[in-house]
Amino acid sequence: FNHTYTMFTESGMPVRAKVNLTFKSLISPDDTRRKSPFE
């Protein structure tokens, strides 16, 4: 997560920002089994 503030009011309050996000999926152990497992 990183964010950059790009606009401020005269008092210095940030009012615009760009946020970059990276998520990693959550998978249960059962879901990780391959459709074609080793024989």
Full PDB file with SEQRES, HELIX, SHEET, SSBOND, CRYST1, ORIGX, SCALE, CONECT and MASTER records, all heavy atoms in Angstrom:
SEQRES   1 A   39  PHE ASN HIS THR TYR THR MET PHE THR GLU SER GLY MET          
SEQRES   2 A   39  PRO VAL ARG ALA LYS VAL ASN LEU THR PHE LYS SER LEU          
SEQRES   3 A   39  ILE SER PRO ASP ASP THR ARG ARG LYS SER PRO PHE GLU          
HELIX    1 AA1 PRO A   29  THR A   32  5                                   4    
SHEET    1 AA1 2 ASN A   2  PHE A   8  0                                        
SHEET    2 AA1 2 PRO A  14  ASN A  20 -1                                        
CRYST1    1.000    1.000    1.000  90.00  90.00  90.00 P 1           1          
ORIGX1      1.000000  0.000000  0.000000        0.00000                         
ORIGX2      0.000000  1.000000  0.000000        0.00000                         
ORIGX3      0.000000  0.000000  1.000000        0.00000                         
SCALE1      1.000000  0.000000  0.000000        0.00000                         
SCALE2      0.000000  1.000000  0.000000        0.00000                         
SCALE3      0.000000  0.000000  1.000000        0.00000                         
ATOM      1  N   PHE A   1       0.849  -1.188   0.000  1.00  0.00           N  
ATOM      2  CA  PHE A   1       0.000   0.000   0.000  1.00  0.00           C  
ATOM      3  C   PHE A   1       0.888   1.241   0.000  1.00  0.00           C  
ATOM      4  O   PHE A   1       1.756   1.384   0.858  1.00  0.00           O  
ATOM      5  CB  PHE A   1      -0.909   0.005   1.242  1.00  0.00           C  
ATOM      6  CG  PHE A   1      -1.595   1.322   1.490  1.00  0.00           C  
ATOM      7  CD1 PHE A   1      -2.709   1.685   0.755  1.00  0.00           C  
ATOM      8  CD2 PHE A   1      -1.127   2.192   2.458  1.00  0.00           C  
ATOM      9  CE1 PHE A   1      -3.338   2.900   0.986  1.00  0.00           C  
ATOM     10  CE2 PHE A   1      -1.752   3.410   2.702  1.00  0.00           C  
ATOM     11  CZ  PHE A   1      -2.859   3.758   1.961  1.00  0.00           C  
ATOM     12  N   ASN A   2       0.732   2.078  -0.995  1.00  0.00           N  
ATOM     13  CA  ASN A   2       1.410   3.380  -0.937  1.00  0.00           C  
ATOM     14  C   ASN A   2       0.472   4.441  -1.473  1.00  0.00           C  
ATOM     15  O   ASN A   2      -0.367   4.172  -2.341  1.00  0.00           O  
ATOM     16  CB  ASN A   2       2.756   3.351  -1.684  1.00  0.00           C  
ATOM     17  CG  ASN A   2       2.605   3.252  -3.176  1.00  0.00           C  
ATOM     18  OD1 ASN A   2       2.171   4.189  -3.837  1.00  0.00           O  
ATOM     19  ND2 ASN A   2       2.972   2.094  -3.735  1.00  0.00           N  
ATOM     20  N   HIS A   3       0.583   5.610  -0.934  1.00  0.00           N  
ATOM     21  CA  HIS A   3      -0.319   6.682  -1.316  1.00  0.00           C  
ATOM     22  C   HIS A   3       0.460   7.982  -1.462  1.00  0.00           C  
ATOM     23  O   HIS A   3       1.412   8.247  -0.726  1.00  0.00           O  
ATOM     24  CB  HIS A   3      -1.444   6.841  -0.291  1.00  0.00           C  
ATOM     25  CG  HIS A   3      -0.992   6.965   1.122  1.00  0.00           C  
ATOM     26  ND1 HIS A   3      -0.388   5.940   1.811  1.00  0.00           N  
ATOM     27  CD2 HIS A   3      -1.051   8.006   1.991  1.00  0.00           C  
ATOM     28  CE1 HIS A   3      -0.102   6.335   3.034  1.00  0.00           C  
ATOM     29  NE2 HIS A   3      -0.485   7.587   3.168  1.00  0.00           N  
ATOM     30  N   THR A   4       0.029   8.770  -2.434  1.00  0.00           N  
ATOM     31  CA  THR A   4       0.655  10.056  -2.721  1.00  0.00           C  
ATOM     32  C   THR A   4      -0.422  11.132  -2.675  1.00  0.00           C  
ATOM     33  O   THR A   4      -1.437  11.027  -3.368  1.00  0.00           O  
ATOM     34  CB  THR A   4       1.316  10.049  -4.108  1.00  0.00           C  
ATOM     35  OG1 THR A   4       2.269   8.977  -4.179  1.00  0.00           O  
ATOM     36  CG2 THR A   4       2.028  11.364  -4.378  1.00  0.00           C  
ATOM     37  N   TYR A   5      -0.200  12.151  -1.851  1.00  0.00           N  
ATOM     38  CA  TYR A   5      -1.141  13.263  -1.777  1.00  0.00           C  
ATOM     39  C   TYR A   5      -0.775  14.292  -2.838  1.00  0.00           C  
ATOM     40  O   TYR A   5       0.387  14.701  -2.963  1.00  0.00           O  
ATOM     41  CB  TYR A   5      -1.117  13.882  -0.378  1.00  0.00           C  
ATOM     42  CG  TYR A   5      -1.578  12.922   0.700  1.00  0.00           C  
ATOM     43  CD1 TYR A   5      -0.679  12.351   1.588  1.00  0.00           C  
ATOM     44  CD2 TYR A   5      -2.913  12.554   0.794  1.00  0.00           C  
ATOM     45  CE1 TYR A   5      -1.105  11.450   2.556  1.00  0.00           C  
ATOM     46  CE2 TYR A   5      -3.351  11.655   1.756  1.00  0.00           C  
ATOM     47  CZ  TYR A   5      -2.436  11.107   2.632  1.00  0.00           C  
ATOM     48  OH  TYR A   5      -2.852  10.214   3.587  1.00  0.00           O  
ATOM     49  N   THR A   6      -1.770  14.698  -3.616  1.00  0.00           N  
ATOM     50  CA  THR A   6      -1.497  15.544  -4.774  1.00  0.00           C  
ATOM     51  C   THR A   6      -2.155  16.922  -4.720  1.00  0.00           C  
ATOM     52  O   THR A   6      -1.892  17.760  -5.577  1.00  0.00           O  
ATOM     53  CB  THR A   6      -1.975  14.836  -6.056  1.00  0.00           C  
ATOM     54  OG1 THR A   6      -3.388  14.565  -5.963  1.00  0.00           O  
ATOM     55  CG2 THR A   6      -1.234  13.508  -6.244  1.00  0.00           C  
ATOM     56  N   MET A   7      -3.023  17.166  -3.726  1.00  0.00           N  
ATOM     57  CA  MET A   7      -3.670  18.472  -3.631  1.00  0.00           C  
ATOM     58  C   MET A   7      -3.985  18.777  -2.173  1.00  0.00           C  
ATOM     59  O   MET A   7      -4.356  17.880  -1.407  1.00  0.00           O  
ATOM     60  CB  MET A   7      -4.949  18.510  -4.469  1.00  0.00           C  
ATOM     61  CG  MET A   7      -5.637  19.860  -4.499  1.00  0.00           C  
ATOM     62  SD  MET A   7      -7.061  19.881  -5.624  1.00  0.00           S  
ATOM     63  CE  MET A   7      -7.688  21.538  -5.339  1.00  0.00           C  
ATOM     64  N   PHE A   8      -3.838  20.060  -1.808  1.00  0.00           N  
ATOM     65  CA  PHE A   8      -4.037  20.477  -0.418  1.00  0.00           C  
ATOM     66  C   PHE A   8      -4.827  21.786  -0.387  1.00  0.00           C  
ATOM     67  O   PHE A   8      -4.807  22.574  -1.333  1.00  0.00           O  
ATOM     68  CB  PHE A   8      -2.686  20.694   0.275  1.00  0.00           C  
ATOM     69  CG  PHE A   8      -1.751  19.523   0.162  1.00  0.00           C  
ATOM     70  CD1 PHE A   8      -0.952  19.353  -0.965  1.00  0.00           C  
ATOM     71  CD2 PHE A   8      -1.678  18.580   1.180  1.00  0.00           C  
ATOM     72  CE1 PHE A   8      -0.102  18.269  -1.077  1.00  0.00           C  
ATOM     73  CE2 PHE A   8      -0.827  17.490   1.079  1.00  0.00           C  
ATOM     74  CZ  PHE A   8      -0.039  17.331  -0.057  1.00  0.00           C  
ATOM     75  N   THR A   9      -5.513  22.012   0.715  1.00  0.00           N  
ATOM     76  CA  THR A   9      -6.176  23.297   0.929  1.00  0.00           C  
ATOM     77  C   THR A   9      -5.135  24.306   1.416  1.00  0.00           C  
ATOM     78  O   THR A   9      -3.975  23.962   1.671  1.00  0.00           O  
ATOM     79  CB  THR A   9      -7.297  23.166   1.977  1.00  0.00           C  
ATOM     80  OG1 THR A   9      -6.712  22.782   3.236  1.00  0.00           O  
ATOM     81  CG2 THR A   9      -8.321  22.123   1.554  1.00  0.00           C  
ATOM     82  N   GLU A  10      -5.539  25.539   1.572  1.00  0.00           N  
ATOM     83  CA  GLU A  10      -4.618  26.580   2.043  1.00  0.00           C  
ATOM     84  C   GLU A  10      -4.071  26.269   3.426  1.00  0.00           C  
ATOM     85  O   GLU A  10      -2.954  26.669   3.782  1.00  0.00           O  
ATOM     86  CB  GLU A  10      -5.321  27.947   2.043  1.00  0.00           C  
ATOM     87  CG  GLU A  10      -5.654  28.462   0.651  1.00  0.00           C  
ATOM     88  CD  GLU A  10      -6.315  29.833   0.700  1.00  0.00           C  
ATOM     89  OE1 GLU A  10      -6.570  30.321   1.832  1.00  0.00           O  
ATOM     90  OE2 GLU A  10      -6.576  30.410  -0.376  1.00  0.00           O  
ATOM     91  N   SER A  11      -4.833  25.534   4.211  1.00  0.00           N  
ATOM     92  CA  SER A  11      -4.386  25.178   5.557  1.00  0.00           C  
ATOM     93  C   SER A  11      -3.465  23.960   5.571  1.00  0.00           C  
ATOM     94  O   SER A  11      -2.966  23.572   6.630  1.00  0.00           O  
ATOM     95  CB  SER A  11      -5.599  24.913   6.453  1.00  0.00           C  
ATOM     96  OG  SER A  11      -6.322  23.779   5.975  1.00  0.00           O  
ATOM     97  N   GLY A  12      -3.264  23.339   4.403  1.00  0.00           N  
ATOM     98  CA  GLY A  12      -2.390  22.169   4.332  1.00  0.00           C  
ATOM     99  C   GLY A  12      -3.116  20.839   4.434  1.00  0.00           C  
ATOM    100  O   GLY A  12      -2.479  19.786   4.453  1.00  0.00           O  
ATOM    101  N   MET A  13      -4.420  20.845   4.484  1.00  0.00           N  
ATOM    102  CA  MET A  13      -5.182  19.602   4.585  1.00  0.00           C  
ATOM    103  C   MET A  13      -5.181  18.889   3.227  1.00  0.00           C  
ATOM    104  O   MET A  13      -5.527  19.490   2.208  1.00  0.00           O  
ATOM    105  CB  MET A  13      -6.619  19.890   5.017  1.00  0.00           C  
ATOM    106  CG  MET A  13      -7.490  18.628   5.148  1.00  0.00           C  
ATOM    107  SD  MET A  13      -9.168  19.007   5.735  1.00  0.00           S  
ATOM    108  CE  MET A  13      -9.844  19.906   4.326  1.00  0.00           C  
ATOM    109  N   PRO A  14      -4.786  17.618   3.178  1.00  0.00           N  
ATOM    110  CA  PRO A  14      -4.799  16.894   1.902  1.00  0.00           C  
ATOM    111  C   PRO A  14      -6.232  16.581   1.464  1.00  0.00           C  
ATOM    112  O   PRO A  14      -7.052  16.134   2.266  1.00  0.00           O  
ATOM    113  CB  PRO A  14      -4.025  15.620   2.212  1.00  0.00           C  
ATOM    114  CG  PRO A  14      -4.195  15.415   3.680  1.00  0.00           C  
ATOM    115  CD  PRO A  14      -4.260  16.782   4.279  1.00  0.00           C  
ATOM    116  N   VAL A  15      -6.518  16.825   0.179  1.00  0.00           N  
ATOM    117  CA  VAL A  15      -7.868  16.596  -0.330  1.00  0.00           C  
ATOM    118  C   VAL A  15      -7.876  15.717  -1.586  1.00  0.00           C  
ATOM    119  O   VAL A  15      -8.953  15.329  -2.054  1.00  0.00           O  
ATOM    120  CB  VAL A  15      -8.591  17.927  -0.634  1.00  0.00           C  
ATOM    121  CG1 VAL A  15      -8.931  18.652   0.650  1.00  0.00           C  
ATOM    122  CG2 VAL A  15      -7.746  18.805  -1.553  1.00  0.00           C  
ATOM    123  N   ARG A  16      -6.706  15.393  -2.101  1.00  0.00           N  
ATOM    124  CA  ARG A  16      -6.625  14.462  -3.230  1.00  0.00           C  
ATOM    125  C   ARG A  16      -5.451  13.524  -3.015  1.00  0.00           C  
ATOM    126  O   ARG A  16      -4.407  13.927  -2.506  1.00  0.00           O  
ATOM    127  CB  ARG A  16      -6.455  15.203  -4.559  1.00  0.00           C  
ATOM    128  CG  ARG A  16      -7.718  15.812  -5.099  1.00  0.00           C  
ATOM    129  CD  ARG A  16      -7.511  16.494  -6.437  1.00  0.00           C  
ATOM    130  NE  ARG A  16      -8.741  17.173  -6.862  1.00  0.00           N  
ATOM    131  CZ  ARG A  16      -8.788  18.053  -7.853  1.00  0.00           C  
ATOM    132  NH1 ARG A  16      -7.684  18.352  -8.543  1.00  0.00           N  
ATOM    133  NH2 ARG A  16      -9.932  18.623  -8.182  1.00  0.00           N  
ATOM    134  N   ALA A  17      -5.643  12.277  -3.431  1.00  0.00           N  
ATOM    135  CA  ALA A  17      -4.580  11.292  -3.243  1.00  0.00           C  
ATOM    136  C   ALA A  17      -4.677  10.207  -4.302  1.00  0.00           C  
ATOM    137  O   ALA A  17      -5.760   9.897  -4.803  1.00  0.00           O  
ATOM    138  CB  ALA A  17      -4.658  10.671  -1.855  1.00  0.00           C  
ATOM    139  N   LYS A  18      -3.521   9.639  -4.623  1.00  0.00           N  
ATOM    140  CA  LYS A  18      -3.453   8.471  -5.491  1.00  0.00           C  
ATOM    141  C   LYS A  18      -2.971   7.303  -4.654  1.00  0.00           C  
ATOM    142  O   LYS A  18      -1.949   7.397  -3.972  1.00  0.00           O  
ATOM    143  CB  LYS A  18      -2.499   8.709  -6.669  1.00  0.00           C  
ATOM    144  CG  LYS A  18      -2.404   7.524  -7.613  1.00  0.00           C  
ATOM    145  CD  LYS A  18      -1.432   7.797  -8.759  1.00  0.00           C  
ATOM    146  CE  LYS A  18      -1.335   6.594  -9.684  1.00  0.00           C  
ATOM    147  NZ  LYS A  18      -0.368   6.827 -10.793  1.00  0.00           N  
ATOM    148  N   VAL A  19      -3.708   6.212  -4.680  1.00  0.00           N  
ATOM    149  CA  VAL A  19      -3.398   5.050  -3.852  1.00  0.00           C  
ATOM    150  C   VAL A  19      -3.086   3.857  -4.754  1.00  0.00           C  
ATOM    151  O   VAL A  19      -3.869   3.538  -5.651  1.00  0.00           O  
ATOM    152  CB  VAL A  19      -4.592   4.706  -2.928  1.00  0.00           C  
ATOM    153  CG1 VAL A  19      -4.347   3.389  -2.201  1.00  0.00           C  
ATOM    154  CG2 VAL A  19      -4.823   5.827  -1.936  1.00  0.00           C  
ATOM    155  N   ASN A  20      -1.930   3.231  -4.520  1.00  0.00           N  
ATOM    156  CA  ASN A  20      -1.560   2.006  -5.229  1.00  0.00           C  
ATOM    157  C   ASN A  20      -1.698   0.835  -4.269  1.00  0.00           C  
ATOM    158  O   ASN A  20      -1.134   0.859  -3.171  1.00  0.00           O  
ATOM    159  CB  ASN A  20      -0.128   2.089  -5.749  1.00  0.00           C  
ATOM    160  CG  ASN A  20       0.051   3.180  -6.790  1.00  0.00           C  
ATOM    161  OD1 ASN A  20      -0.763   3.326  -7.694  1.00  0.00           O  
ATOM    162  ND2 ASN A  20       1.101   3.964  -6.664  1.00  0.00           N  
ATOM    163  N   LEU A  21      -2.434  -0.181  -4.697  1.00  0.00           N  
ATOM    164  CA  LEU A  21      -2.719  -1.327  -3.832  1.00  0.00           C  
ATOM    165  C   LEU A  21      -2.331  -2.632  -4.510  1.00  0.00           C  
ATOM    166  O   LEU A  21      -2.494  -2.792  -5.721  1.00  0.00           O  
ATOM    167  CB  LEU A  21      -4.216  -1.388  -3.514  1.00  0.00           C  
ATOM    168  CG  LEU A  21      -4.788  -0.374  -2.527  1.00  0.00           C  
ATOM    169  CD1 LEU A  21      -6.303  -0.417  -2.578  1.00  0.00           C  
ATOM    170  CD2 LEU A  21      -4.300  -0.662  -1.132  1.00  0.00           C  
ATOM    171  N   THR A  22      -1.822  -3.562  -3.703  1.00  0.00           N  
ATOM    172  CA  THR A  22      -1.581  -4.928  -4.165  1.00  0.00           C  
ATOM    173  C   THR A  22      -2.232  -5.879  -3.175  1.00  0.00           C  
ATOM    174  O   THR A  22      -1.999  -5.778  -1.973  1.00  0.00           O  
ATOM    175  CB  THR A  22      -0.079  -5.245  -4.269  1.00  0.00           C  
ATOM    176  OG1 THR A  22       0.534  -4.345  -5.192  1.00  0.00           O  
ATOM    177  CG2 THR A  22       0.132  -6.677  -4.749  1.00  0.00           C  
ATOM    178  N   PHE A  23      -3.080  -6.759  -3.686  1.00  0.00           N  
ATOM    179  CA  PHE A  23      -3.754  -7.757  -2.863  1.00  0.00           C  
ATOM    180  C   PHE A  23      -3.199  -9.137  -3.214  1.00  0.00           C  
ATOM    181  O   PHE A  23      -2.783  -9.387  -4.346  1.00  0.00           O  
ATOM    182  CB  PHE A  23      -5.262  -7.789  -3.140  1.00  0.00           C  
ATOM    183  CG  PHE A  23      -5.968  -6.485  -2.968  1.00  0.00           C  
ATOM    184  CD1 PHE A  23      -5.952  -5.519  -3.964  1.00  0.00           C  
ATOM    185  CD2 PHE A  23      -6.679  -6.214  -1.809  1.00  0.00           C  
ATOM    186  CE1 PHE A  23      -6.624  -4.319  -3.818  1.00  0.00           C  
ATOM    187  CE2 PHE A  23      -7.356  -5.019  -1.649  1.00  0.00           C  
ATOM    188  CZ  PHE A  23      -7.327  -4.068  -2.654  1.00  0.00           C  
ATOM    189  N   LYS A  24      -3.245 -10.044  -2.261  1.00  0.00           N  
ATOM    190  CA  LYS A  24      -2.919 -11.445  -2.504  1.00  0.00           C  
ATOM    191  C   LYS A  24      -4.137 -12.265  -2.118  1.00  0.00           C  
ATOM    192  O   LYS A  24      -4.689 -12.098  -1.035  1.00  0.00           O  
ATOM    193  CB  LYS A  24      -1.689 -11.866  -1.713  1.00  0.00           C  
ATOM    194  CG  LYS A  24      -1.188 -13.260  -2.044  1.00  0.00           C  
ATOM    195  CD  LYS A  24       0.261 -13.465  -1.625  1.00  0.00           C  
ATOM    196  CE  LYS A  24       1.222 -12.745  -2.544  1.00  0.00           C  
ATOM    197  NZ  LYS A  24       2.634 -13.123  -2.293  1.00  0.00           N  
ATOM    198  N   SER A  25      -4.556 -13.138  -3.020  1.00  0.00           N  
ATOM    199  CA  SER A  25      -5.793 -13.882  -2.802  1.00  0.00           C  
ATOM    200  C   SER A  25      -5.661 -14.874  -1.658  1.00  0.00           C  
ATOM    201  O   SER A  25      -4.575 -15.371  -1.361  1.00  0.00           O  
ATOM    202  CB  SER A  25      -6.210 -14.620  -4.080  1.00  0.00           C  
ATOM    203  OG  SER A  25      -5.253 -15.626  -4.394  1.00  0.00           O  
ATOM    204  N   LEU A  26      -6.779 -15.169  -1.028  1.00  0.00           N  
ATOM    205  CA  LEU A  26      -6.857 -16.166   0.027  1.00  0.00           C  
ATOM    206  C   LEU A  26      -7.542 -17.402  -0.530  1.00  0.00           C  
ATOM    207  O   LEU A  26      -8.657 -17.334  -1.037  1.00  0.00           O  
ATOM    208  CB  LEU A  26      -7.663 -15.628   1.219  1.00  0.00           C  
ATOM    209  CG  LEU A  26      -7.020 -14.467   1.985  1.00  0.00           C  
ATOM    210  CD1 LEU A  26      -7.987 -13.968   3.046  1.00  0.00           C  
ATOM    211  CD2 LEU A  26      -5.724 -14.903   2.630  1.00  0.00           C  
ATOM    212  N   ILE A  27      -6.867 -18.547  -0.449  1.00  0.00           N  
ATOM    213  CA  ILE A  27      -7.395 -19.790  -0.986  1.00  0.00           C  
ATOM    214  C   ILE A  27      -7.310 -20.842   0.096  1.00  0.00           C  
ATOM    215  O   ILE A  27      -6.281 -20.995   0.760  1.00  0.00           O  
ATOM    216  CB  ILE A  27      -6.597 -20.250  -2.218  1.00  0.00           C  
ATOM    217  CG1 ILE A  27      -6.536 -19.128  -3.257  1.00  0.00           C  
ATOM    218  CG2 ILE A  27      -7.202 -21.501  -2.824  1.00  0.00           C  
ATOM    219  CD1 ILE A  27      -5.652 -19.446  -4.438  1.00  0.00           C  
ATOM    220  N   SER A  28      -8.380 -21.582   0.276  1.00  0.00           N  
ATOM    221  CA  SER A  28      -8.373 -22.657   1.263  1.00  0.00           C  
ATOM    222  C   SER A  28      -7.536 -23.817   0.741  1.00  0.00           C  
ATOM    223  O   SER A  28      -7.351 -23.972  -0.470  1.00  0.00           O  
ATOM    224  CB  SER A  28      -9.801 -23.142   1.534  1.00  0.00           C  
ATOM    225  OG  SER A  28     -10.311 -23.798   0.388  1.00  0.00           O  
ATOM    226  N   PRO A  29      -7.004 -24.674   1.632  1.00  0.00           N  
ATOM    227  CA  PRO A  29      -6.204 -25.816   1.180  1.00  0.00           C  
ATOM    228  C   PRO A  29      -6.929 -26.702   0.178  1.00  0.00           C  
ATOM    229  O   PRO A  29      -6.328 -27.224  -0.755  1.00  0.00           O  
ATOM    230  CB  PRO A  29      -5.914 -26.572   2.487  1.00  0.00           C  
ATOM    231  CG  PRO A  29      -5.948 -25.515   3.542  1.00  0.00           C  
ATOM    232  CD  PRO A  29      -7.028 -24.561   3.097  1.00  0.00           C  
ATOM    233  N   ASP A  30      -8.242 -26.861   0.343  1.00  0.00           N  
ATOM    234  CA  ASP A  30      -8.998 -27.698  -0.586  1.00  0.00           C  
ATOM    235  C   ASP A  30      -9.020 -27.094  -1.989  1.00  0.00           C  
ATOM    236  O   ASP A  30      -9.015 -27.808  -2.996  1.00  0.00           O  
ATOM    237  CB  ASP A  30     -10.439 -27.890  -0.095  1.00  0.00           C  
ATOM    238  CG  ASP A  30     -10.500 -28.786   1.141  1.00  0.00           C  
ATOM    239  OD1 ASP A  30      -9.537 -29.541   1.361  1.00  0.00           O  
ATOM    240  OD2 ASP A  30     -11.509 -28.714   1.864  1.00  0.00           O  
ATOM    241  N   ASP A  31      -9.044 -25.752  -2.060  1.00  0.00           N  
ATOM    242  CA  ASP A  31      -9.107 -25.088  -3.355  1.00  0.00           C  
ATOM    243  C   ASP A  31      -7.796 -25.171  -4.111  1.00  0.00           C  
ATOM    244  O   ASP A  31      -7.755 -24.942  -5.321  1.00  0.00           O  
ATOM    245  CB  ASP A  31      -9.493 -23.617  -3.187  1.00  0.00           C  
ATOM    246  CG  ASP A  31     -10.911 -23.446  -2.689  1.00  0.00           C  
ATOM    247  OD1 ASP A  31     -11.713 -24.369  -2.909  1.00  0.00           O  
ATOM    248  OD2 ASP A  31     -11.210 -22.411  -2.075  1.00  0.00           O  
ATOM    249  N   THR A  32      -6.699 -25.456  -3.403  1.00  0.00           N  
ATOM    250  CA  THR A  32      -5.395 -25.478  -4.052  1.00  0.00           C  
ATOM    251  C   THR A  32      -5.116 -26.796  -4.758  1.00  0.00           C  
ATOM    252  O   THR A  32      -4.120 -26.928  -5.462  1.00  0.00           O  
ATOM    253  CB  THR A  32      -4.271 -25.233  -3.029  1.00  0.00           C  
ATOM    254  OG1 THR A  32      -4.299 -26.269  -2.032  1.00  0.00           O  
ATOM    255  CG2 THR A  32      -4.457 -23.884  -2.351  1.00  0.00           C  
ATOM    256  N   ARG A  33      -5.973 -27.789  -4.555  1.00  0.00           N  
ATOM    257  CA  ARG A  33      -5.757 -29.063  -5.227  1.00  0.00           C  
ATOM    258  C   ARG A  33      -5.949 -28.901  -6.731  1.00  0.00           C  
ATOM    259  O   ARG A  33      -6.893 -28.276  -7.183  1.00  0.00           O  
ATOM    260  CB  ARG A  33      -6.734 -30.110  -4.691  1.00  0.00           C  
ATOM    261  CG  ARG A  33      -6.495 -30.456  -3.226  1.00  0.00           C  
ATOM    262  CD  ARG A  33      -7.567 -31.382  -2.696  1.00  0.00           C  
ATOM    263  NE  ARG A  33      -7.370 -31.661  -1.287  1.00  0.00           N  
ATOM    264  CZ  ARG A  33      -8.254 -32.281  -0.526  1.00  0.00           C  
ATOM    265  NH1 ARG A  33      -9.399 -32.688  -1.048  1.00  0.00           N  
ATOM    266  NH2 ARG A  33      -8.007 -32.488   0.752  1.00  0.00           N  
ATOM    267  N   ARG A  34      -5.061 -29.455  -7.482  1.00  0.00           N  
ATOM    268  CA  ARG A  34      -5.119 -29.367  -8.936  1.00  0.00           C  
ATOM    269  C   ARG A  34      -6.274 -30.206  -9.492  1.00  0.00           C  
ATOM    270  O   ARG A  34      -6.629 -31.254  -8.929  1.00  0.00           O  
ATOM    271  CB  ARG A  34      -3.800 -29.846  -9.539  1.00  0.00           C  
ATOM    272  CG  ARG A  34      -2.609 -28.995  -9.107  1.00  0.00           C  
ATOM    273  CD  ARG A  34      -2.687 -27.636  -9.737  1.00  0.00           C  
ATOM    274  NE  ARG A  34      -1.655 -26.750  -9.211  1.00  0.00           N  
ATOM    275  CZ  ARG A  34      -1.497 -25.502  -9.598  1.00  0.00           C  
ATOM    276  NH1 ARG A  34      -2.309 -24.992 -10.502  1.00  0.00           N  
ATOM    277  NH2 ARG A  34      -0.541 -24.758  -9.085  1.00  0.00           N  
ATOM    278  N   LYS A  35      -6.859 -29.732 -10.585  1.00  0.00           N  
ATOM    279  CA  LYS A  35      -7.932 -30.496 -11.219  1.00  0.00           C  
ATOM    280  C   LYS A  35      -7.403 -31.821 -11.752  1.00  0.00           C  
ATOM    281  O   LYS A  35      -8.149 -32.782 -11.886  1.00  0.00           O  
ATOM    282  CB  LYS A  35      -8.540 -29.666 -12.364  1.00  0.00           C  
ATOM    283  CG  LYS A  35      -9.316 -28.454 -11.878  1.00  0.00           C  
ATOM    284  CD  LYS A  35      -9.948 -27.719 -13.038  1.00  0.00           C  
ATOM    285  CE  LYS A  35     -10.740 -26.519 -12.559  1.00  0.00           C  
ATOM    286  NZ  LYS A  35     -11.353 -25.772 -13.695  1.00  0.00           N  
ATOM    287  N   SER A  36      -6.129 -31.858 -12.112  1.00  0.00           N  
ATOM    288  CA  SER A  36      -5.518 -33.097 -12.597  1.00  0.00           C  
ATOM    289  C   SER A  36      -4.350 -33.450 -11.698  1.00  0.00           C  
ATOM    290  O   SER A  36      -3.190 -33.227 -12.042  1.00  0.00           O  
ATOM    291  CB  SER A  36      -5.033 -32.921 -14.045  1.00  0.00           C  
ATOM    292  OG  SER A  36      -6.108 -32.624 -14.898  1.00  0.00           O  
ATOM    293  N   PRO A  37      -4.595 -34.014 -10.510  1.00  0.00           N  
ATOM    294  CA  PRO A  37      -3.527 -34.328  -9.568  1.00  0.00           C  
ATOM    295  C   PRO A  37      -2.704 -35.503 -10.066  1.00  0.00           C  
ATOM    296  O   PRO A  37      -3.083 -36.198 -11.002  1.00  0.00           O  
ATOM    297  CB  PRO A  37      -4.285 -34.685  -8.275  1.00  0.00           C  
ATOM    298  CG  PRO A  37      -5.590 -35.216  -8.779  1.00  0.00           C  
ATOM    299  CD  PRO A  37      -5.921 -34.407 -10.013  1.00  0.00           C  
ATOM    300  N   PHE A  38      -1.549 -35.707  -9.391  1.00  0.00           N  
ATOM    301  CA  PHE A  38      -0.727 -36.864  -9.743  1.00  0.00           C  
ATOM    302  C   PHE A  38      -1.549 -38.137  -9.585  1.00  0.00           C  
ATOM    303  O   PHE A  38      -2.326 -38.296  -8.644  1.00  0.00           O  
ATOM    304  CB  PHE A  38       0.491 -36.941  -8.821  1.00  0.00           C  
ATOM    305  CG  PHE A  38       1.458 -35.815  -9.008  1.00  0.00           C  
ATOM    306  CD1 PHE A  38       1.746 -34.954  -7.955  1.00  0.00           C  
ATOM    307  CD2 PHE A  38       2.079 -35.612 -10.223  1.00  0.00           C  
ATOM    308  CE1 PHE A  38       2.641 -33.916  -8.133  1.00  0.00           C  
ATOM    309  CE2 PHE A  38       2.978 -34.578 -10.402  1.00  0.00           C  
ATOM    310  CZ  PHE A  38       3.263 -33.720  -9.357  1.00  0.00           C  
ATOM    311  N   GLU A  39      -1.366 -39.036 -10.520  1.00  0.00           N  
ATOM    312  CA  GLU A  39      -2.041 -40.332 -10.418  1.00  0.00           C  
ATOM    313  C   GLU A  39      -1.548 -41.032  -9.158  1.00  0.00           C  
ATOM    314  O   GLU A  39      -0.384 -40.930  -8.790  1.00  0.00           O  
ATOM    315  CB  GLU A  39      -1.722 -41.184 -11.651  1.00  0.00           C  
ATOM    316  CG  GLU A  39      -2.549 -42.440 -11.750  1.00  0.00           C  
ATOM    317  CD  GLU A  39      -2.277 -43.181 -13.046  1.00  0.00           C  
ATOM    318  OE1 GLU A  39      -1.788 -42.554 -13.995  1.00  0.00           O  
ATOM    319  OE2 GLU A  39      -2.537 -44.393 -13.074  1.00  0.00           O  
TER     320      GLU A  39                                                      
MASTER        0    0    0    1    2    0    0    6  319    1    0    3          
END                                                                             
